[in-house]
Full PDB file with SEQRES, HELIX, SHEET, SSBOND, CRYST1, ORIGX, SCALE, CONECT and MASTER records, all heavy atoms in Angstrom:
SEQRES   1 A   29  ASP ALA LEU THR ILE THR ASN ALA PRO THR LEU LEU VAL          
SEQRES   2 A   29  PRO GLY GLN ALA PRO CYS LEU ASN GLN ILE ALA LEU LEU          
SEQRES   3 A   29  THR TYR ILE                                                  
HELIX    1 AA1 GLN A   22  TYR A   28  1                                   7    
CRYST1    1.000    1.000    1.000  90.00  90.00  90.00 P 1           1          
ORIGX1      1.000000  0.000000  0.000000        0.00000                         
ORIGX2      0.000000  1.000000  0.000000        0.00000                         
ORIGX3      0.000000  0.000000  1.000000        0.00000                         
SCALE1      1.000000  0.000000  0.000000        0.00000                         
SCALE2      0.000000  1.000000  0.000000        0.00000                         
SCALE3      0.000000  0.000000  1.000000        0.00000                         
ATOM      1  N   ASP A   1      -7.653  22.773   3.987  1.00  0.00           N  
ATOM      2  CA  ASP A   1      -6.321  23.065   4.520  1.00  0.00           C  
ATOM      3  C   ASP A   1      -5.948  22.137   5.665  1.00  0.00           C  
ATOM      4  O   ASP A   1      -4.916  22.313   6.299  1.00  0.00           O  
ATOM      5  CB  ASP A   1      -6.264  24.514   5.015  1.00  0.00           C  
ATOM      6  CG  ASP A   1      -6.325  25.507   3.873  1.00  0.00           C  
ATOM      7  OD1 ASP A   1      -5.854  25.168   2.774  1.00  0.00           O  
ATOM      8  OD2 ASP A   1      -6.846  26.611   4.073  1.00  0.00           O  
ATOM      9  N   ALA A   2      -6.802  21.157   5.948  1.00  0.00           N  
ATOM     10  CA  ALA A   2      -6.594  20.294   7.105  1.00  0.00           C  
ATOM     11  C   ALA A   2      -5.513  19.235   6.869  1.00  0.00           C  
ATOM     12  O   ALA A   2      -4.839  18.831   7.794  1.00  0.00           O  
ATOM     13  CB  ALA A   2      -7.910  19.612   7.493  1.00  0.00           C  
ATOM     14  N   LEU A   3      -5.367  18.750   5.635  1.00  0.00           N  
ATOM     15  CA  LEU A   3      -4.430  17.675   5.300  1.00  0.00           C  
ATOM     16  C   LEU A   3      -4.588  16.488   6.250  1.00  0.00           C  
ATOM     17  O   LEU A   3      -3.620  15.938   6.763  1.00  0.00           O  
ATOM     18  CB  LEU A   3      -2.986  18.183   5.269  1.00  0.00           C  
ATOM     19  CG  LEU A   3      -2.690  19.303   4.277  1.00  0.00           C  
ATOM     20  CD1 LEU A   3      -1.203  19.641   4.283  1.00  0.00           C  
ATOM     21  CD2 LEU A   3      -3.155  18.972   2.878  1.00  0.00           C  
ATOM     22  N   THR A   4      -5.818  16.088   6.445  1.00  0.00           N  
ATOM     23  CA  THR A   4      -6.163  14.953   7.294  1.00  0.00           C  
ATOM     24  C   THR A   4      -5.788  13.646   6.601  1.00  0.00           C  
ATOM     25  O   THR A   4      -6.011  13.484   5.411  1.00  0.00           O  
ATOM     26  CB  THR A   4      -7.682  14.962   7.585  1.00  0.00           C  
ATOM     27  OG1 THR A   4      -8.016  16.219   8.176  1.00  0.00           O  
ATOM     28  CG2 THR A   4      -8.086  13.833   8.496  1.00  0.00           C  
ATOM     29  N   ILE A   5      -5.243  12.712   7.360  1.00  0.00           N  
ATOM     30  CA  ILE A   5      -4.922  11.386   6.831  1.00  0.00           C  
ATOM     31  C   ILE A   5      -6.222  10.594   6.786  1.00  0.00           C  
ATOM     32  O   ILE A   5      -6.947  10.494   7.773  1.00  0.00           O  
ATOM     33  CB  ILE A   5      -3.896  10.662   7.726  1.00  0.00           C  
ATOM     34  CG1 ILE A   5      -2.645  11.522   7.947  1.00  0.00           C  
ATOM     35  CG2 ILE A   5      -3.534   9.306   7.133  1.00  0.00           C  
ATOM     36  CD1 ILE A   5      -1.912  11.904   6.694  1.00  0.00           C  
ATOM     37  N   THR A   6      -6.513  10.018   5.633  1.00  0.00           N  
ATOM     38  CA  THR A   6      -7.744   9.257   5.438  1.00  0.00           C  
ATOM     39  C   THR A   6      -7.444   8.052   4.567  1.00  0.00           C  
ATOM     40  O   THR A   6      -6.359   7.943   4.001  1.00  0.00           O  
ATOM     41  CB  THR A   6      -8.828  10.147   4.773  1.00  0.00           C  
ATOM     42  OG1 THR A   6     -10.027   9.388   4.643  1.00  0.00           O  
ATOM     43  CG2 THR A   6      -8.392  10.642   3.424  1.00  0.00           C  
ATOM     44  N   ASN A   7      -8.409   7.156   4.436  1.00  0.00           N  
ATOM     45  CA  ASN A   7      -8.197   5.981   3.583  1.00  0.00           C  
ATOM     46  C   ASN A   7      -9.057   6.038   2.327  1.00  0.00           C  
ATOM     47  O   ASN A   7      -9.351   5.016   1.733  1.00  0.00           O  
ATOM     48  CB  ASN A   7      -8.445   4.687   4.359  1.00  0.00           C  
ATOM     49  CG  ASN A   7      -9.869   4.585   4.856  1.00  0.00           C  
ATOM     50  OD1 ASN A   7     -10.671   5.506   4.697  1.00  0.00           O  
ATOM     51  ND2 ASN A   7     -10.205   3.468   5.461  1.00  0.00           N  
ATOM     52  N   ALA A   8      -9.458   7.213   1.910  1.00  0.00           N  
ATOM     53  CA  ALA A   8     -10.233   7.348   0.678  1.00  0.00           C  
ATOM     54  C   ALA A   8      -9.373   6.952  -0.521  1.00  0.00           C  
ATOM     55  O   ALA A   8      -8.188   7.290  -0.576  1.00  0.00           O  
ATOM     56  CB  ALA A   8     -10.724   8.784   0.517  1.00  0.00           C  
ATOM     57  N   PRO A   9      -9.947   6.254  -1.497  1.00  0.00           N  
ATOM     58  CA  PRO A   9      -9.157   5.839  -2.655  1.00  0.00           C  
ATOM     59  C   PRO A   9      -8.773   6.983  -3.590  1.00  0.00           C  
ATOM     60  O   PRO A   9      -7.827   6.861  -4.347  1.00  0.00           O  
ATOM     61  CB  PRO A   9     -10.064   4.838  -3.368  1.00  0.00           C  
ATOM     62  CG  PRO A   9     -11.412   5.003  -2.790  1.00  0.00           C  
ATOM     63  CD  PRO A   9     -11.285   5.680  -1.481  1.00  0.00           C  
ATOM     64  N   THR A  10      -9.494   8.103  -3.526  1.00  0.00           N  
ATOM     65  CA  THR A  10      -9.176   9.252  -4.373  1.00  0.00           C  
ATOM     66  C   THR A  10      -8.938  10.463  -3.490  1.00  0.00           C  
ATOM     67  O   THR A  10      -9.777  10.806  -2.656  1.00  0.00           O  
ATOM     68  CB  THR A  10     -10.323   9.544  -5.356  1.00  0.00           C  
ATOM     69  OG1 THR A  10     -10.594   8.369  -6.131  1.00  0.00           O  
ATOM     70  CG2 THR A  10      -9.966  10.688  -6.290  1.00  0.00           C  
ATOM     71  N   LEU A  11      -7.804  11.094  -3.679  1.00  0.00           N  
ATOM     72  CA  LEU A  11      -7.409  12.239  -2.864  1.00  0.00           C  
ATOM     73  C   LEU A  11      -7.202  13.454  -3.746  1.00  0.00           C  
ATOM     74  O   LEU A  11      -6.536  13.370  -4.775  1.00  0.00           O  
ATOM     75  CB  LEU A  11      -6.104  11.920  -2.124  1.00  0.00           C  
ATOM     76  CG  LEU A  11      -5.463  13.031  -1.298  1.00  0.00           C  
ATOM     77  CD1 LEU A  11      -6.349  13.409  -0.110  1.00  0.00           C  
ATOM     78  CD2 LEU A  11      -4.080  12.598  -0.841  1.00  0.00           C  
ATOM     79  N   LEU A  12      -7.782  14.570  -3.355  1.00  0.00           N  
ATOM     80  CA  LEU A  12      -7.509  15.849  -4.001  1.00  0.00           C  
ATOM     81  C   LEU A  12      -6.518  16.580  -3.114  1.00  0.00           C  
ATOM     82  O   LEU A  12      -6.710  16.648  -1.901  1.00  0.00           O  
ATOM     83  CB  LEU A  12      -8.799  16.662  -4.143  1.00  0.00           C  
ATOM     84  CG  LEU A  12      -9.959  15.956  -4.846  1.00  0.00           C  
ATOM     85  CD1 LEU A  12     -11.184  16.862  -4.876  1.00  0.00           C  
ATOM     86  CD2 LEU A  12      -9.568  15.518  -6.245  1.00  0.00           C  
ATOM     87  N   VAL A  13      -5.456  17.101  -3.697  1.00  0.00           N  
ATOM     88  CA  VAL A  13      -4.434  17.796  -2.906  1.00  0.00           C  
ATOM     89  C   VAL A  13      -4.229  19.205  -3.436  1.00  0.00           C  
ATOM     90  O   VAL A  13      -4.366  19.441  -4.634  1.00  0.00           O  
ATOM     91  CB  VAL A  13      -3.072  17.056  -2.899  1.00  0.00           C  
ATOM     92  CG1 VAL A  13      -3.188  15.696  -2.232  1.00  0.00           C  
ATOM     93  CG2 VAL A  13      -2.504  16.914  -4.293  1.00  0.00           C  
ATOM     94  N   PRO A  14      -3.888  20.131  -2.559  1.00  0.00           N  
ATOM     95  CA  PRO A  14      -3.561  21.461  -3.054  1.00  0.00           C  
ATOM     96  C   PRO A  14      -2.235  21.416  -3.808  1.00  0.00           C  
ATOM     97  O   PRO A  14      -1.240  20.936  -3.289  1.00  0.00           O  
ATOM     98  CB  PRO A  14      -3.459  22.305  -1.782  1.00  0.00           C  
ATOM     99  CG  PRO A  14      -3.181  21.325  -0.685  1.00  0.00           C  
ATOM    100  CD  PRO A  14      -3.809  20.033  -1.101  1.00  0.00           C  
ATOM    101  N   GLY A  15      -2.245  21.906  -5.031  1.00  0.00           N  
ATOM    102  CA  GLY A  15      -1.009  21.966  -5.799  1.00  0.00           C  
ATOM    103  C   GLY A  15      -0.117  23.092  -5.319  1.00  0.00           C  
ATOM    104  O   GLY A  15       1.085  23.068  -5.484  1.00  0.00           O  
ATOM    105  N   GLN A  16      -0.751  24.063  -4.684  1.00  0.00           N  
ATOM    106  CA  GLN A  16      -0.032  25.220  -4.155  1.00  0.00           C  
ATOM    107  C   GLN A  16      -0.880  25.809  -3.047  1.00  0.00           C  
ATOM    108  O   GLN A  16      -2.107  25.811  -3.122  1.00  0.00           O  
ATOM    109  CB  GLN A  16       0.180  26.246  -5.269  1.00  0.00           C  
ATOM    110  CG  GLN A  16       0.900  27.503  -4.874  1.00  0.00           C  
ATOM    111  CD  GLN A  16       0.002  28.539  -4.217  1.00  0.00           C  
ATOM    112  OE1 GLN A  16      -1.181  28.631  -4.499  1.00  0.00           O  
ATOM    113  NE2 GLN A  16       0.566  29.312  -3.319  1.00  0.00           N  
ATOM    114  N   ALA A  17      -0.235  26.272  -2.014  1.00  0.00           N  
ATOM    115  CA  ALA A  17      -0.913  26.979  -0.928  1.00  0.00           C  
ATOM    116  C   ALA A  17       0.139  27.822  -0.208  1.00  0.00           C  
ATOM    117  O   ALA A  17       1.321  27.464  -0.203  1.00  0.00           O  
ATOM    118  CB  ALA A  17      -1.569  25.995   0.038  1.00  0.00           C  
ATOM    119  N   PRO A  18      -0.263  28.917   0.409  1.00  0.00           N  
ATOM    120  CA  PRO A  18       0.705  29.805   1.065  1.00  0.00           C  
ATOM    121  C   PRO A  18       1.579  29.119   2.115  1.00  0.00           C  
ATOM    122  O   PRO A  18       2.740  29.463   2.258  1.00  0.00           O  
ATOM    123  CB  PRO A  18      -0.164  30.877   1.704  1.00  0.00           C  
ATOM    124  CG  PRO A  18      -1.406  30.884   0.888  1.00  0.00           C  
ATOM    125  CD  PRO A  18      -1.610  29.463   0.448  1.00  0.00           C  
ATOM    126  N   CYS A  19       1.038  28.136   2.802  1.00  0.00           N  
ATOM    127  CA  CYS A  19       1.793  27.477   3.882  1.00  0.00           C  
ATOM    128  C   CYS A  19       2.189  26.053   3.510  1.00  0.00           C  
ATOM    129  O   CYS A  19       2.404  25.224   4.380  1.00  0.00           O  
ATOM    130  CB  CYS A  19       0.964  27.473   5.155  1.00  0.00           C  
ATOM    131  SG  CYS A  19       0.592  29.118   5.759  1.00  0.00           S  
ATOM    132  N   LEU A  20       2.276  25.748   2.225  1.00  0.00           N  
ATOM    133  CA  LEU A  20       2.574  24.388   1.796  1.00  0.00           C  
ATOM    134  C   LEU A  20       3.794  24.399   0.887  1.00  0.00           C  
ATOM    135  O   LEU A  20       3.834  25.104  -0.111  1.00  0.00           O  
ATOM    136  CB  LEU A  20       1.374  23.807   1.031  1.00  0.00           C  
ATOM    137  CG  LEU A  20       1.513  22.366   0.558  1.00  0.00           C  
ATOM    138  CD1 LEU A  20       1.467  21.402   1.743  1.00  0.00           C  
ATOM    139  CD2 LEU A  20       0.411  22.039  -0.436  1.00  0.00           C  
ATOM    140  N   ASN A  21       4.785  23.589   1.233  1.00  0.00           N  
ATOM    141  CA  ASN A  21       5.941  23.449   0.354  1.00  0.00           C  
ATOM    142  C   ASN A  21       5.924  22.053  -0.270  1.00  0.00           C  
ATOM    143  O   ASN A  21       5.089  21.217   0.071  1.00  0.00           O  
ATOM    144  CB  ASN A  21       7.256  23.722   1.106  1.00  0.00           C  
ATOM    145  CG  ASN A  21       7.477  22.773   2.254  1.00  0.00           C  
ATOM    146  OD1 ASN A  21       7.161  21.589   2.184  1.00  0.00           O  
ATOM    147  ND2 ASN A  21       8.028  23.280   3.352  1.00  0.00           N  
ATOM    148  N   GLN A  22       6.840  21.790  -1.189  1.00  0.00           N  
ATOM    149  CA  GLN A  22       6.842  20.516  -1.896  1.00  0.00           C  
ATOM    150  C   GLN A  22       7.083  19.331  -0.968  1.00  0.00           C  
ATOM    151  O   GLN A  22       6.500  18.268  -1.154  1.00  0.00           O  
ATOM    152  CB  GLN A  22       7.892  20.527  -3.006  1.00  0.00           C  
ATOM    153  CG  GLN A  22       7.532  21.446  -4.139  1.00  0.00           C  
ATOM    154  CD  GLN A  22       8.567  21.421  -5.244  1.00  0.00           C  
ATOM    155  OE1 GLN A  22       9.694  20.965  -5.056  1.00  0.00           O  
ATOM    156  NE2 GLN A  22       8.198  21.922  -6.406  1.00  0.00           N  
ATOM    157  N   ILE A  23       7.911  19.505   0.037  1.00  0.00           N  
ATOM    158  CA  ILE A  23       8.176  18.411   0.978  1.00  0.00           C  
ATOM    159  C   ILE A  23       6.908  18.063   1.750  1.00  0.00           C  
ATOM    160  O   ILE A  23       6.571  16.890   1.909  1.00  0.00           O  
ATOM    161  CB  ILE A  23       9.331  18.773   1.935  1.00  0.00           C  
ATOM    162  CG1 ILE A  23      10.636  18.871   1.139  1.00  0.00           C  
ATOM    163  CG2 ILE A  23       9.456  17.757   3.068  1.00  0.00           C  
ATOM    164  CD1 ILE A  23      11.800  19.438   1.915  1.00  0.00           C  
ATOM    165  N   ALA A  24       6.176  19.061   2.220  1.00  0.00           N  
ATOM    166  CA  ALA A  24       4.931  18.810   2.944  1.00  0.00           C  
ATOM    167  C   ALA A  24       3.899  18.155   2.038  1.00  0.00           C  
ATOM    168  O   ALA A  24       3.165  17.255   2.466  1.00  0.00           O  
ATOM    169  CB  ALA A  24       4.389  20.113   3.530  1.00  0.00           C  
ATOM    170  N   LEU A  25       3.842  18.583   0.776  1.00  0.00           N  
ATOM    171  CA  LEU A  25       2.906  17.982  -0.174  1.00  0.00           C  
ATOM    172  C   LEU A  25       3.220  16.502  -0.381  1.00  0.00           C  
ATOM    173  O   LEU A  25       2.333  15.646  -0.294  1.00  0.00           O  
ATOM    174  CB  LEU A  25       2.958  18.732  -1.509  1.00  0.00           C  
ATOM    175  CG  LEU A  25       2.143  18.142  -2.652  1.00  0.00           C  
ATOM    176  CD1 LEU A  25       0.660  18.092  -2.305  1.00  0.00           C  
ATOM    177  CD2 LEU A  25       2.369  18.937  -3.932  1.00  0.00           C  
ATOM    178  N   LEU A  26       4.486  16.184  -0.628  1.00  0.00           N  
ATOM    179  CA  LEU A  26       4.870  14.782  -0.827  1.00  0.00           C  
ATOM    180  C   LEU A  26       4.676  13.962   0.443  1.00  0.00           C  
ATOM    181  O   LEU A  26       4.247  12.795   0.376  1.00  0.00           O  
ATOM    182  CB  LEU A  26       6.315  14.691  -1.304  1.00  0.00           C  
ATOM    183  CG  LEU A  26       6.581  15.184  -2.715  1.00  0.00           C  
ATOM    184  CD1 LEU A  26       8.059  15.085  -3.038  1.00  0.00           C  
ATOM    185  CD2 LEU A  26       5.745  14.443  -3.740  1.00  0.00           C  
ATOM    186  N   THR A  27       4.973  14.525   1.588  1.00  0.00           N  
ATOM    187  CA  THR A  27       4.770  13.817   2.857  1.00  0.00           C  
ATOM    188  C   THR A  27       3.302  13.446   3.031  1.00  0.00           C  
ATOM    189  O   THR A  27       2.968  12.330   3.432  1.00  0.00           O  
ATOM    190  CB  THR A  27       5.255  14.678   4.040  1.00  0.00           C  
ATOM    191  OG1 THR A  27       6.657  14.929   3.870  1.00  0.00           O  
ATOM    192  CG2 THR A  27       5.012  13.996   5.369  1.00  0.00           C  
ATOM    193  N   TYR A  28       2.421  14.376   2.695  1.00  0.00           N  
ATOM    194  CA  TYR A  28       0.984  14.113   2.811  1.00  0.00           C  
ATOM    195  C   TYR A  28       0.533  13.049   1.809  1.00  0.00           C  
ATOM    196  O   TYR A  28      -0.165  12.099   2.181  1.00  0.00           O  
ATOM    197  CB  TYR A  28       0.199  15.413   2.605  1.00  0.00           C  
ATOM    198  CG  TYR A  28      -1.291  15.234   2.713  1.00  0.00           C  
ATOM    199  CD1 TYR A  28      -1.864  14.710   3.869  1.00  0.00           C  
ATOM    200  CD2 TYR A  28      -2.125  15.573   1.665  1.00  0.00           C  
ATOM    201  CE1 TYR A  28      -3.223  14.535   3.972  1.00  0.00           C  
ATOM    202  CE2 TYR A  28      -3.495  15.405   1.767  1.00  0.00           C  
ATOM    203  CZ  TYR A  28      -4.035  14.885   2.917  1.00  0.00           C  
ATOM    204  OH  TYR A  28      -5.402  14.705   3.021  1.00  0.00           O  
ATOM    205  N   ILE A  29       0.948  13.170   0.556  1.00  0.00           N  
ATOM    206  CA  ILE A  29       0.576  12.174  -0.459  1.00  0.00           C  
ATOM    207  C   ILE A  29       1.049  10.788  -0.035  1.00  0.00           C  
ATOM    208  O   ILE A  29       0.319   9.801  -0.141  1.00  0.00           O  
ATOM    209  CB  ILE A  29       1.163  12.558  -1.835  1.00  0.00           C  
ATOM    210  CG1 ILE A  29       0.445  13.792  -2.393  1.00  0.00           C  
ATOM    211  CG2 ILE A  29       1.082  11.388  -2.817  1.00  0.00           C  
ATOM    212  CD1 ILE A  29       1.095  14.360  -3.645  1.00  0.00           C  
TER     213      ILE A  29                                                      
MASTER        0    0    0    1    0    0    0    6  212    1    0    3          
END                                                                             
């Protein structure tokens, strides 16, 4: 749930979470 910015070439993201909306998901990606 940290959504830490990293430089890993492969990222796993939550597709859904109670405190996550689509804008926050895209901003993180």
